[in-house]
Amino acid sequence: MVFFIYRSPHGEKAMKLPERTNEVTGVYANGCVEVAKELGVSSVNLWSKMQETQGWQKKFLSDGLHLTPDGNRVVYEEVVKVLSGAWLSAPEMPADFPHHLEIDPENPAKVFQERCLL
């Protein structure tokens, strides 16, 4: 399965560079929507989805660029929708890496050696 995930919108704090404006990000996201349609693949347009919520900048972006836990939740929910639409279940899919809670901070390599090919 292939699908596109477009970047989230930019908040005010991230707009110090001209290419990091929310307007430019919207142009990019809309271009990605068109490419996904042309290729016949599913897509997740975070730029549009997040802006549907009042106060999205503070709710979904910690510093104007990086996602908050609520922002990550939106990403997760939207990806699960795409997977479900393809009759796939995220919890039943195999993971390439261990869950972060399984990693021992004193010996992080241990769980990777046990579960992954190194």
PDB file of N, CA and C in Angstrom:
ATOM      1  N   MET A   1       0.844  -1.179   0.000  1.00  0.00           N
ATOM      2  CA  MET A   1       0.000   0.000   0.000  1.00  0.00           C
ATOM      3  C   MET A   1       0.887   1.239   0.000  1.00  0.00           C
ATOM      4  N   VAL A   2       0.515   2.199  -0.780  1.00  0.00           N
ATOM      5  CA  VAL A   2       1.213   3.483  -0.846  1.00  0.00           C
ATOM      6  C   VAL A   2       0.194   4.580  -0.594  1.00  0.00           C
ATOM      7  N   PHE A   3       0.564   5.532   0.244  1.00  0.00           N
ATOM      8  CA  PHE A   3      -0.264   6.724   0.380  1.00  0.00           C
ATOM      9  C   PHE A   3       0.622   7.884   0.786  1.00  0.00           C
ATOM     10  N   PHE A   4       0.177   9.074   0.475  1.00  0.00           N
ATOM     11  CA  PHE A   4       0.921  10.296   0.776  1.00  0.00           C
ATOM     12  C   PHE A   4       0.407  10.905   2.068  1.00  0.00           C
ATOM     13  N   ILE A   5       1.328  11.440   2.855  1.00  0.00           N
ATOM     14  CA  ILE A   5       0.971  12.245   4.016  1.00  0.00           C
ATOM     15  C   ILE A   5       1.610  13.607   3.797  1.00  0.00           C
ATOM     16  N   TYR A   6       0.804  14.633   3.728  1.00  0.00           N
ATOM     17  CA  TYR A   6       1.326  15.979   3.492  1.00  0.00           C
ATOM     18  C   TYR A   6       1.591  16.662   4.802  1.00  0.00           C
ATOM     19  N   ARG A   7       2.478  17.547   4.767  1.00  0.00           N
ATOM     20  CA  ARG A   7       2.910  18.219   5.996  1.00  0.00           C
ATOM     21  C   ARG A   7       1.794  19.041   6.617  1.00  0.00           C
ATOM     22  N   SER A   8       1.940  19.198   7.903  1.00  0.00           N
ATOM     23  CA  SER A   8       0.968  19.990   8.653  1.00  0.00           C
ATOM     24  C   SER A   8       1.167  21.467   8.349  1.00  0.00           C
ATOM     25  N   PRO A   9       0.202  22.281   8.699  1.00  0.00           N
ATOM     26  CA  PRO A   9       0.352  23.720   8.478  1.00  0.00           C
ATOM     27  C   PRO A   9       1.439  24.314   9.364  1.00  0.00           C
ATOM     28  N   HIS A  10       1.888  25.505   9.008  1.00  0.00           N
ATOM     29  CA  HIS A  10       2.879  26.225   9.804  1.00  0.00           C
ATOM     30  C   HIS A  10       2.185  27.264  10.668  1.00  0.00           C
ATOM     31  N   GLY A  11       2.627  27.369  11.895  1.00  0.00           N
ATOM     32  CA  GLY A  11       2.143  28.420  12.781  1.00  0.00           C
ATOM     33  C   GLY A  11       2.998  29.669  12.642  1.00  0.00           C
ATOM     34  N   GLU A  12       2.621  30.708  13.309  1.00  0.00           N
ATOM     35  CA  GLU A  12       3.308  31.996  13.222  1.00  0.00           C
ATOM     36  C   GLU A  12       4.796  31.916  13.555  1.00  0.00           C
ATOM     37  N   LYS A  13       5.169  31.139  14.580  1.00  0.00           N
ATOM     38  CA  LYS A  13       6.560  31.087  15.019  1.00  0.00           C
ATOM     39  C   LYS A  13       7.483  30.462  13.982  1.00  0.00           C
ATOM     40  N   ALA A  14       6.955  29.654  13.074  1.00  0.00           N
ATOM     41  CA  ALA A  14       7.786  28.973  12.083  1.00  0.00           C
ATOM     42  C   ALA A  14       7.981  29.799  10.820  1.00  0.00           C
ATOM     43  N   MET A  15       7.410  30.989  10.756  1.00  0.00           N
ATOM     44  CA  MET A  15       7.392  31.754   9.511  1.00  0.00           C
ATOM     45  C   MET A  15       8.530  32.746   9.358  1.00  0.00           C
ATOM     46  N   LYS A  16       9.688  32.453   9.911  1.00  0.00           N
ATOM     47  CA  LYS A  16      10.819  33.369   9.775  1.00  0.00           C
ATOM     48  C   LYS A  16      11.458  33.288   8.393  1.00  0.00           C
ATOM     49  N   LEU A  17      11.344  32.150   7.726  1.00  0.00           N
ATOM     50  CA  LEU A  17      11.865  31.980   6.378  1.00  0.00           C
ATOM     51  C   LEU A  17      10.714  32.078   5.391  1.00  0.00           C
ATOM     52  N   PRO A  18      10.928  32.705   4.223  1.00  0.00           N
ATOM     53  CA  PRO A  18       9.822  32.919   3.281  1.00  0.00           C
ATOM     54  C   PRO A  18       9.179  31.622   2.797  1.00  0.00           C
ATOM     55  N   GLU A  19       9.943  30.533   2.713  1.00  0.00           N
ATOM     56  CA  GLU A  19       9.374  29.268   2.248  1.00  0.00           C
ATOM     57  C   GLU A  19       8.629  28.526   3.353  1.00  0.00           C
ATOM     58  N   ARG A  20       8.644  29.061   4.561  1.00  0.00           N
ATOM     59  CA  ARG A  20       7.961  28.409   5.682  1.00  0.00           C
ATOM     60  C   ARG A  20       6.701  29.159   6.106  1.00  0.00           C
ATOM     61  N   THR A  21       5.991  29.651   5.141  1.00  0.00           N
ATOM     62  CA  THR A  21       4.717  30.283   5.471  1.00  0.00           C
ATOM     63  C   THR A  21       3.608  29.257   5.307  1.00  0.00           C
ATOM     64  N   ASN A  22       2.507  29.496   5.964  1.00  0.00           N
ATOM     65  CA  ASN A  22       1.383  28.589   5.841  1.00  0.00           C
ATOM     66  C   ASN A  22       0.830  28.605   4.417  1.00  0.00           C
ATOM     67  N   GLU A  23       0.902  29.763   3.762  1.00  0.00           N
ATOM     68  CA  GLU A  23       0.423  29.869   2.388  1.00  0.00           C
ATOM     69  C   GLU A  23       1.243  28.979   1.448  1.00  0.00           C
ATOM     70  N   VAL A  24       2.567  29.028   1.547  1.00  0.00           N
ATOM     71  CA  VAL A  24       3.438  28.200   0.709  1.00  0.00           C
ATOM     72  C   VAL A  24       3.218  26.720   1.027  1.00  0.00           C
ATOM     73  N   THR A  25       3.052  26.398   2.303  1.00  0.00           N
ATOM     74  CA  THR A  25       2.792  25.019   2.692  1.00  0.00           C
ATOM     75  C   THR A  25       1.482  24.533   2.085  1.00  0.00           C
ATOM     76  N   GLY A  26       0.480  25.405   2.032  1.00  0.00           N
ATOM     77  CA  GLY A  26      -0.794  25.049   1.411  1.00  0.00           C
ATOM     78  C   GLY A  26      -0.657  24.760  -0.075  1.00  0.00           C
ATOM     79  N   VAL A  27       0.147  25.543  -0.769  1.00  0.00           N
ATOM     80  CA  VAL A  27       0.396  25.304  -2.195  1.00  0.00           C
ATOM     81  C   VAL A  27       1.042  23.934  -2.373  1.00  0.00           C
ATOM     82  N   TYR A  28       2.029  23.625  -1.536  1.00  0.00           N
ATOM     83  CA  TYR A  28       2.700  22.325  -1.583  1.00  0.00           C
ATOM     84  C   TYR A  28       1.703  21.194  -1.302  1.00  0.00           C
ATOM     85  N   ALA A  29       0.905  21.342  -0.258  1.00  0.00           N
ATOM     86  CA  ALA A  29      -0.064  20.300   0.104  1.00  0.00           C
ATOM     87  C   ALA A  29      -1.064  20.072  -1.021  1.00  0.00           C
ATOM     88  N   ASN A  30      -1.555  21.143  -1.622  1.00  0.00           N
ATOM     89  CA  ASN A  30      -2.508  20.996  -2.725  1.00  0.00           C
ATOM     90  C   ASN A  30      -1.864  20.334  -3.939  1.00  0.00           C
ATOM     91  N   GLY A  31      -0.586  20.624  -4.174  1.00  0.00           N
ATOM     92  CA  GLY A  31       0.146  19.938  -5.246  1.00  0.00           C
ATOM     93  C   GLY A  31       0.262  18.448  -4.972  1.00  0.00           C
ATOM     94  N   CYS A  32       0.501  18.097  -3.719  1.00  0.00           N
ATOM     95  CA  CYS A  32       0.584  16.685  -3.339  1.00  0.00           C
ATOM     96  C   CYS A  32      -0.755  15.984  -3.522  1.00  0.00           C
ATOM     97  N   VAL A  33      -1.843  16.664  -3.207  1.00  0.00           N
ATOM     98  CA  VAL A  33      -3.178  16.100  -3.411  1.00  0.00           C
ATOM     99  C   VAL A  33      -3.355  15.740  -4.887  1.00  0.00           C
ATOM    100  N   GLU A  34      -2.962  16.647  -5.759  1.00  0.00           N
ATOM    101  CA  GLU A  34      -3.108  16.413  -7.201  1.00  0.00           C
ATOM    102  C   GLU A  34      -2.234  15.250  -7.665  1.00  0.00           C
ATOM    103  N   VAL A  35      -1.000  15.163  -7.186  1.00  0.00           N
ATOM    104  CA  VAL A  35      -0.112  14.056  -7.570  1.00  0.00           C
ATOM    105  C   VAL A  35      -0.695  12.725  -7.095  1.00  0.00           C
ATOM    106  N   ALA A  36      -1.202  12.683  -5.867  1.00  0.00           N
ATOM    107  CA  ALA A  36      -1.807  11.452  -5.345  1.00  0.00           C
ATOM    108  C   ALA A  36      -2.992  11.036  -6.219  1.00  0.00           C
ATOM    109  N   LYS A  37      -3.818  11.993  -6.617  1.00  0.00           N
ATOM    110  CA  LYS A  37      -4.960  11.684  -7.481  1.00  0.00           C
ATOM    111  C   LYS A  37      -4.488  11.130  -8.819  1.00  0.00           C
ATOM    112  N   GLU A  38      -3.469  11.775  -9.406  1.00  0.00           N
ATOM    113  CA  GLU A  38      -2.941  11.318 -10.692  1.00  0.00           C
ATOM    114  C   GLU A  38      -2.394   9.899 -10.605  1.00  0.00           C
ATOM    115  N   LEU A  39      -1.758   9.576  -9.464  1.00  0.00           N
ATOM    116  CA  LEU A  39      -1.178   8.251  -9.282  1.00  0.00           C
ATOM    117  C   LEU A  39      -2.190   7.221  -8.796  1.00  0.00           C
ATOM    118  N   GLY A  40      -3.368   7.694  -8.412  1.00  0.00           N
ATOM    119  CA  GLY A  40      -4.401   6.790  -7.927  1.00  0.00           C
ATOM    120  C   GLY A  40      -4.096   6.208  -6.559  1.00  0.00           C
ATOM    121  N   VAL A  41      -3.423   6.994  -5.708  1.00  0.00           N
ATOM    122  CA  VAL A  41      -3.104   6.526  -4.357  1.00  0.00           C
ATOM    123  C   VAL A  41      -3.856   7.375  -3.333  1.00  0.00           C
ATOM    124  N   SER A  42      -4.023   6.806  -2.162  1.00  0.00           N
ATOM    125  CA  SER A  42      -4.682   7.520  -1.073  1.00  0.00           C
ATOM    126  C   SER A  42      -3.776   8.608  -0.534  1.00  0.00           C
ATOM    127  N   SER A  43      -4.370   9.521   0.214  1.00  0.00           N
ATOM    128  CA  SER A  43      -3.567  10.604   0.773  1.00  0.00           C
ATOM    129  C   SER A  43      -4.147  11.090   2.091  1.00  0.00           C
ATOM    130  N   VAL A  44      -3.300  11.719   2.876  1.00  0.00           N
ATOM    131  CA  VAL A  44      -3.687  12.368   4.129  1.00  0.00           C
ATOM    132  C   VAL A  44      -3.215  13.809   4.028  1.00  0.00           C
ATOM    133  N   ASN A  45      -4.146  14.732   3.962  1.00  0.00           N
ATOM    134  CA  ASN A  45      -3.807  16.143   3.834  1.00  0.00           C
ATOM    135  C   ASN A  45      -3.903  16.806   5.210  1.00  0.00           C
ATOM    136  N   LEU A  46      -2.808  16.745   5.950  1.00  0.00           N
ATOM    137  CA  LEU A  46      -2.780  17.325   7.295  1.00  0.00           C
ATOM    138  C   LEU A  46      -2.964  18.830   7.260  1.00  0.00           C
ATOM    139  N   TRP A  47      -2.482  19.457   6.220  1.00  0.00           N
ATOM    140  CA  TRP A  47      -2.573  20.916   6.118  1.00  0.00           C
ATOM    141  C   TRP A  47      -4.033  21.351   6.208  1.00  0.00           C
ATOM    142  N   SER A  48      -4.895  20.698   5.447  1.00  0.00           N
ATOM    143  CA  SER A  48      -6.315  21.044   5.478  1.00  0.00           C
ATOM    144  C   SER A  48      -6.998  20.523   6.733  1.00  0.00           C
ATOM    145  N   LYS A  49      -6.720  19.279   7.083  1.00  0.00           N
ATOM    146  CA  LYS A  49      -7.406  18.646   8.214  1.00  0.00           C
ATOM    147  C   LYS A  49      -7.200  19.423   9.512  1.00  0.00           C
ATOM    148  N   MET A  50      -5.975  19.808   9.797  1.00  0.00           N
ATOM    149  CA  MET A  50      -5.699  20.478  11.060  1.00  0.00           C
ATOM    150  C   MET A  50      -6.349  21.854  11.141  1.00  0.00           C
ATOM    151  N   GLN A  51      -6.455  22.520  10.015  1.00  0.00           N
ATOM    152  CA  GLN A  51      -7.027  23.860  10.016  1.00  0.00           C
ATOM    153  C   GLN A  51      -8.549  23.863  10.125  1.00  0.00           C
ATOM    154  N   GLU A  52      -9.158  22.689  10.122  1.00  0.00           N
ATOM    155  CA  GLU A  52     -10.601  22.584  10.347  1.00  0.00           C
ATOM    156  C   GLU A  52     -10.950  22.856  11.810  1.00  0.00           C
ATOM    157  N   THR A  53      -9.955  22.791  12.686  1.00  0.00           N
ATOM    158  CA  THR A  53     -10.178  22.951  14.124  1.00  0.00           C
ATOM    159  C   THR A  53      -9.861  24.376  14.553  1.00  0.00           C
ATOM    160  N   GLN A  54     -10.782  24.983  15.277  1.00  0.00           N
ATOM    161  CA  GLN A  54     -10.558  26.323  15.832  1.00  0.00           C
ATOM    162  C   GLN A  54      -9.345  26.282  16.771  1.00  0.00           C
ATOM    163  N   GLY A  55      -8.452  27.231  16.653  1.00  0.00           N
ATOM    164  CA  GLY A  55      -7.273  27.292  17.512  1.00  0.00           C
ATOM    165  C   GLY A  55      -6.235  26.230  17.194  1.00  0.00           C
ATOM    166  N   TRP A  56      -6.202  25.770  15.936  1.00  0.00           N
ATOM    167  CA  TRP A  56      -5.320  24.688  15.521  1.00  0.00           C
ATOM    168  C   TRP A  56      -3.845  24.966  15.799  1.00  0.00           C
ATOM    169  N   GLN A  57      -3.419  26.221  15.692  1.00  0.00           N
ATOM    170  CA  GLN A  57      -1.998  26.526  15.863  1.00  0.00           C
ATOM    171  C   GLN A  57      -1.486  26.115  17.238  1.00  0.00           C
ATOM    172  N   LYS A  58      -2.209  26.444  18.262  1.00  0.00           N
ATOM    173  CA  LYS A  58      -1.775  26.083  19.623  1.00  0.00           C
ATOM    174  C   LYS A  58      -2.122  24.644  19.959  1.00  0.00           C
ATOM    175  N   LYS A  59      -3.232  24.164  19.447  1.00  0.00           N
ATOM    176  CA  LYS A  59      -3.677  22.806  19.769  1.00  0.00           C
ATOM    177  C   LYS A  59      -2.779  21.750  19.125  1.00  0.00           C
ATOM    178  N   PHE A  60      -2.350  21.971  17.887  1.00  0.00           N
ATOM    179  CA  PHE A  60      -1.641  20.938  17.141  1.00  0.00           C
ATOM    180  C   PHE A  60      -0.142  21.178  16.949  1.00  0.00           C
ATOM    181  N   LEU A  61       0.335  22.404  17.190  1.00  0.00           N
ATOM    182  CA  LEU A  61       1.747  22.717  16.954  1.00  0.00           C
ATOM    183  C   LEU A  61       2.377  23.261  18.233  1.00  0.00           C
ATOM    184  N   SER A  62       3.473  22.646  18.665  1.00  0.00           N
ATOM    185  CA  SER A  62       4.105  23.066  19.926  1.00  0.00           C
ATOM    186  C   SER A  62       4.898  24.359  19.767  1.00  0.00           C
ATOM    187  N   ASP A  63       5.506  24.544  18.610  1.00  0.00           N
ATOM    188  CA  ASP A  63       6.368  25.705  18.394  1.00  0.00           C
ATOM    189  C   ASP A  63       6.122  26.350  17.030  1.00  0.00           C
ATOM    190  N   GLY A  64       4.974  26.073  16.457  1.00  0.00           N
ATOM    191  CA  GLY A  64       4.666  26.587  15.131  1.00  0.00           C
ATOM    192  C   GLY A  64       5.060  25.643  14.015  1.00  0.00           C
ATOM    193  N   LEU A  65       5.791  24.573  14.337  1.00  0.00           N
ATOM    194  CA  LEU A  65       6.269  23.635  13.322  1.00  0.00           C
ATOM    195  C   LEU A  65       6.096  22.182  13.747  1.00  0.00           C
ATOM    196  N   HIS A  66       6.487  21.867  14.979  1.00  0.00           N
ATOM    197  CA  HIS A  66       6.454  20.490  15.474  1.00  0.00           C
ATOM    198  C   HIS A  66       5.116  20.177  16.142  1.00  0.00           C
ATOM    199  N   LEU A  67       4.691  18.929  15.990  1.00  0.00           N
ATOM    200  CA  LEU A  67       3.381  18.524  16.482  1.00  0.00           C
ATOM    201  C   LEU A  67       3.334  18.341  17.993  1.00  0.00           C
ATOM    202  N   THR A  68       2.186  18.682  18.555  1.00  0.00           N
ATOM    203  CA  THR A  68       1.887  18.400  19.958  1.00  0.00           C
ATOM    204  C   THR A  68       1.321  16.981  20.019  1.00  0.00           C
ATOM    205  N   PRO A  69       1.073  16.451  21.220  1.00  0.00           N
ATOM    206  CA  PRO A  69       0.392  15.151  21.298  1.00  0.00           C
ATOM    207  C   PRO A  69      -0.949  15.153  20.549  1.00  0.00           C
ATOM    208  N   ASP A  70      -1.707  16.250  20.626  1.00  0.00           N
ATOM    209  CA  ASP A  70      -2.965  16.327  19.875  1.00  0.00           C
ATOM    210  C   ASP A  70      -2.712  16.314  18.363  1.00  0.00           C
ATOM    211  N   GLY A  71      -1.656  16.976  17.935  1.00  0.00           N
ATOM    212  CA  GLY A  71      -1.298  16.961  16.514  1.00  0.00           C
ATOM    213  C   GLY A  71      -0.916  15.566  16.049  1.00  0.00           C
ATOM    214  N   ASN A  72      -0.150  14.864  16.867  1.00  0.00           N
ATOM    215  CA  ASN A  72       0.207  13.479  16.535  1.00  0.00           C
ATOM    216  C   ASN A  72      -1.028  12.586  16.499  1.00  0.00           C
ATOM    217  N   ARG A  73      -1.996  12.871  17.355  1.00  0.00           N
ATOM    218  CA  ARG A  73      -3.237  12.096  17.368  1.00  0.00           C
ATOM    219  C   ARG A  73      -3.981  12.270  16.039  1.00  0.00           C
ATOM    220  N   VAL A  74      -4.003  13.493  15.520  1.00  0.00           N
ATOM    221  CA  VAL A  74      -4.646  13.734  14.227  1.00  0.00           C
ATOM    222  C   VAL A  74      -3.963  12.904  13.145  1.00  0.00           C
ATOM    223  N   VAL A  75      -2.625  12.903  13.137  1.00  0.00           N
ATOM    224  CA  VAL A  75      -1.883  12.115  12.152  1.00  0.00           C
ATOM    225  C   VAL A  75      -2.278  10.640  12.269  1.00  0.00           C
ATOM    226  N   TYR A  76      -2.252  10.122  13.486  1.00  0.00           N
ATOM    227  CA  TYR A  76      -2.598   8.720  13.714  1.00  0.00           C
ATOM    228  C   TYR A  76      -4.009   8.410  13.218  1.00  0.00           C
ATOM    229  N   GLU A  77      -4.968   9.230  13.613  1.00  0.00           N
ATOM    230  CA  GLU A  77      -6.357   8.973  13.234  1.00  0.00           C
ATOM    231  C   GLU A  77      -6.547   9.010  11.719  1.00  0.00           C
ATOM    232  N   GLU A  78      -5.887   9.938  11.057  1.00  0.00           N
ATOM    233  CA  GLU A  78      -6.027  10.044   9.607  1.00  0.00           C
ATOM    234  C   GLU A  78      -5.353   8.876   8.889  1.00  0.00           C
ATOM    235  N   VAL A  79      -4.202   8.429   9.391  1.00  0.00           N
ATOM    236  CA  VAL A  79      -3.529   7.268   8.798  1.00  0.00           C
ATOM    237  C   VAL A  79      -4.374   6.013   9.006  1.00  0.00           C
ATOM    238  N   VAL A  80      -4.944   5.850  10.194  1.00  0.00           N
ATOM    239  CA  VAL A  80      -5.799   4.691  10.467  1.00  0.00           C
ATOM    240  C   VAL A  80      -7.006   4.693   9.518  1.00  0.00           C
ATOM    241  N   LYS A  81      -7.563   5.854   9.221  1.00  0.00           N
ATOM    242  CA  LYS A  81      -8.684   5.923   8.274  1.00  0.00           C
ATOM    243  C   LYS A  81      -8.271   5.392   6.899  1.00  0.00           C
ATOM    244  N   VAL A  82      -7.077   5.797   6.433  1.00  0.00           N
ATOM    245  CA  VAL A  82      -6.599   5.327   5.130  1.00  0.00           C
ATOM    246  C   VAL A  82      -6.383   3.819   5.162  1.00  0.00           C
ATOM    247  N   LEU A  83      -5.756   3.324   6.230  1.00  0.00           N
ATOM    248  CA  LEU A  83      -5.525   1.884   6.340  1.00  0.00           C
ATOM    249  C   LEU A  83      -6.843   1.121   6.400  1.00  0.00           C
ATOM    250  N   SER A  84      -7.782   1.624   7.183  1.00  0.00           N
ATOM    251  CA  SER A  84      -9.088   0.962   7.305  1.00  0.00           C
ATOM    252  C   SER A  84      -9.812   0.930   5.962  1.00  0.00           C
ATOM    253  N   GLY A  85      -9.659   1.992   5.195  1.00  0.00           N
ATOM    254  CA  GLY A  85     -10.272   2.042   3.867  1.00  0.00           C
ATOM    255  C   GLY A  85      -9.713   0.994   2.922  1.00  0.00           C
ATOM    256  N   ALA A  86      -8.518   0.489   3.241  1.00  0.00           N
ATOM    257  CA  ALA A  86      -7.891  -0.573   2.447  1.00  0.00           C
ATOM    258  C   ALA A  86      -8.018  -1.924   3.147  1.00  0.00           C
ATOM    259  N   TRP A  87      -8.910  -2.002   4.131  1.00  0.00           N
ATOM    260  CA  TRP A  87      -9.158  -3.226   4.905  1.00  0.00           C
ATOM    261  C   TRP A  87      -7.924  -3.685   5.661  1.00  0.00           C
ATOM    262  N   LEU A  88      -7.133  -2.738   6.148  1.00  0.00           N
ATOM    263  CA  LEU A  88      -5.967  -3.046   6.976  1.00  0.00           C
ATOM    264  C   LEU A  88      -6.209  -2.527   8.385  1.00  0.00           C
ATOM    265  N   SER A  89      -5.684  -3.238   9.367  1.00  0.00           N
ATOM    266  CA  SER A  89      -5.847  -2.840  10.760  1.00  0.00           C
ATOM    267  C   SER A  89      -4.477  -2.488  11.330  1.00  0.00           C
ATOM    268  N   ALA A  90      -4.304  -1.230  11.732  1.00  0.00           N
ATOM    269  CA  ALA A  90      -3.015  -0.791  12.262  1.00  0.00           C
ATOM    270  C   ALA A  90      -2.524  -1.653  13.426  1.00  0.00           C
ATOM    271  N   PRO A  91      -3.363  -1.982  14.420  1.00  0.00           N
ATOM    272  CA  PRO A  91      -2.872  -2.790  15.542  1.00  0.00           C
ATOM    273  C   PRO A  91      -2.430  -4.199  15.138  1.00  0.00           C
ATOM    274  N   GLU A  92      -2.974  -4.713  14.042  1.00  0.00           N
ATOM    275  CA  GLU A  92      -2.623  -6.063  13.611  1.00  0.00           C
ATOM    276  C   GLU A  92      -1.427  -6.100  12.666  1.00  0.00           C
ATOM    277  N   MET A  93      -0.975  -4.950  12.220  1.00  0.00           N
ATOM    278  CA  MET A  93       0.158  -4.915  11.295  1.00  0.00           C
ATOM    279  C   MET A  93       1.461  -5.133  12.050  1.00  0.00           C
ATOM    280  N   PRO A  94       2.399  -5.857  11.441  1.00  0.00           N
ATOM    281  CA  PRO A  94       3.673  -6.075  12.122  1.00  0.00           C
ATOM    282  C   PRO A  94       4.472  -4.778  12.223  1.00  0.00           C
ATOM    283  N   ALA A  95       5.208  -4.645  13.289  1.00  0.00           N
ATOM    284  CA  ALA A  95       6.053  -3.460  13.498  1.00  0.00           C
ATOM    285  C   ALA A  95       7.501  -3.819  13.172  1.00  0.00           C
ATOM    286  N   ASP A  96       8.200  -2.907  12.542  1.00  0.00           N
ATOM    287  CA  ASP A  96       9.611  -3.120  12.233  1.00  0.00           C
ATOM    288  C   ASP A  96      10.492  -2.902  13.454  1.00  0.00           C
ATOM    289  N   PHE A  97      10.027  -2.089  14.367  1.00  0.00           N
ATOM    290  CA  PHE A  97      10.815  -1.741  15.538  1.00  0.00           C
ATOM    291  C   PHE A  97       9.969  -1.901  16.784  1.00  0.00           C
ATOM    292  N   PRO A  98      10.592  -2.075  17.921  1.00  0.00           N
ATOM    293  CA  PRO A  98       9.825  -2.214  19.159  1.00  0.00           C
ATOM    294  C   PRO A  98       9.149  -0.903  19.557  1.00  0.00           C
ATOM    295  N   HIS A  99       8.077  -1.045  20.308  1.00  0.00           N
ATOM    296  CA  HIS A  99       7.396   0.124  20.847  1.00  0.00           C
ATOM    297  C   HIS A  99       8.352   0.837  21.793  1.00  0.00           C
ATOM    298  N   HIS A 100       8.287   2.151  21.845  1.00  0.00           N
ATOM    299  CA  HIS A 100       9.238   2.918  22.652  1.00  0.00           C
ATOM    300  C   HIS A 100       9.187   2.540  24.133  1.00  0.00           C
ATOM    301  N   LEU A 101       8.042   2.056  24.615  1.00  0.00           N
ATOM    302  CA  LEU A 101       7.950   1.664  26.028  1.00  0.00           C
ATOM    303  C   LEU A 101       8.719   0.382  26.325  1.00  0.00           C
ATOM    304  N   GLU A 102       9.037  -0.373  25.277  1.00  0.00           N
ATOM    305  CA  GLU A 102       9.793  -1.615  25.452  1.00  0.00           C
ATOM    306  C   GLU A 102      11.300  -1.370  25.531  1.00  0.00           C
ATOM    307  N   ILE A 103      11.734  -0.165  25.250  1.00  0.00           N
ATOM    308  CA  ILE A 103      13.171   0.137  25.207  1.00  0.00           C
ATOM    309  C   ILE A 103      13.667   0.507  26.598  1.00  0.00           C
ATOM    310  N   ASP A 104      14.655  -0.218  27.057  1.00  0.00           N
ATOM    311  CA  ASP A 104      15.276   0.029  28.358  1.00  0.00           C
ATOM    312  C   ASP A 104      16.296   1.152  28.193  1.00  0.00           C
ATOM    313  N   PRO A 105      16.131   2.286  28.875  1.00  0.00           N
ATOM    314  CA  PRO A 105      17.073   3.396  28.723  1.00  0.00           C
ATOM    315  C   PRO A 105      18.498   3.022  29.150  1.00  0.00           C
ATOM    316  N   GLU A 106      18.608   2.037  30.014  1.00  0.00           N
ATOM    317  CA  GLU A 106      19.939   1.598  30.470  1.00  0.00           C
ATOM    318  C   GLU A 106      20.611   0.681  29.444  1.00  0.00           C
ATOM    319  N   ASN A 107      19.807  -0.001  28.647  1.00  0.00           N
ATOM    320  CA  ASN A 107      20.343  -0.924  27.650  1.00  0.00           C
ATOM    321  C   ASN A 107      19.435  -0.912  26.417  1.00  0.00           C
ATOM    322  N   PRO A 108      19.420   0.186  25.655  1.00  0.00           N
ATOM    323  CA  PRO A 108      18.489   0.302  24.537  1.00  0.00           C
ATOM    324  C   PRO A 108      18.719  -0.734  23.435  1.00  0.00           C
ATOM    325  N   ALA A 109      19.935  -1.201  23.264  1.00  0.00           N
ATOM    326  CA  ALA A 109      20.224  -2.158  22.189  1.00  0.00           C
ATOM    327  C   ALA A 109      19.584  -3.520  22.427  1.00  0.00           C
ATOM    328  N   LYS A 110      19.329  -3.861  23.684  1.00  0.00           N
ATOM    329  CA  LYS A 110      18.837  -5.196  24.026  1.00  0.00           C
ATOM    330  C   LYS A 110      17.554  -5.558  23.269  1.00  0.00           C
ATOM    331  N   VAL A 111      16.558  -4.725  23.336  1.00  0.00           N
ATOM    332  CA  VAL A 111      15.288  -5.038  22.688  1.00  0.00           C
ATOM    333  C   VAL A 111      15.429  -5.091  21.163  1.00  0.00           C
ATOM    334  N   PHE A 112      16.324  -4.283  20.609  1.00  0.00           N
ATOM    335  CA  PHE A 112      16.550  -4.318  19.168  1.00  0.00           C
ATOM    336  C   PHE A 112      17.214  -5.635  18.768  1.00  0.00           C
ATOM    337  N   GLN A 113      18.139  -6.107  19.592  1.00  0.00           N
ATOM    338  CA  GLN A 113      18.801  -7.376  19.330  1.00  0.00           C
ATOM    339  C   GLN A 113      17.813  -8.532  19.439  1.00  0.00           C
ATOM    340  N   GLU A 114      16.871  -8.426  20.339  1.00  0.00           N
ATOM    341  CA  GLU A 114      15.879  -9.481  20.538  1.00  0.00           C
ATOM    342  C   GLU A 114      14.800  -9.495  19.447  1.00  0.00           C
ATOM    343  N   ARG A 115      14.441  -8.322  18.937  1.00  0.00           N
ATOM    344  CA  ARG A 115      13.282  -8.235  18.047  1.00  0.00           C
ATOM    345  C   ARG A 115      13.589  -7.867  16.609  1.00  0.00           C
ATOM    346  N   CYS A 116      14.759  -7.319  16.345  1.00  0.00           N
ATOM    347  CA  CYS A 116      15.042  -6.806  15.010  1.00  0.00           C
ATOM    348  C   CYS A 116      16.305  -7.456  14.453  1.00  0.00           C
ATOM    349  N   LEU A 117      16.378  -7.406  13.161  1.00  0.00           N
ATOM    350  CA  LEU A 117      17.616  -7.839  12.519  1.00  0.00           C
ATOM    351  C   LEU A 117      18.583  -6.681  12.525  1.00  0.00           C
ATOM    352  N   LEU A 118      19.724  -6.873  13.106  1.00  0.00           N
ATOM    353  CA  LEU A 118      20.734  -5.801  13.123  1.00  0.00           C
ATOM    354  C   LEU A 118      21.805  -6.061  12.106  1.00  0.00           C
TER     355      LEU A 118
END
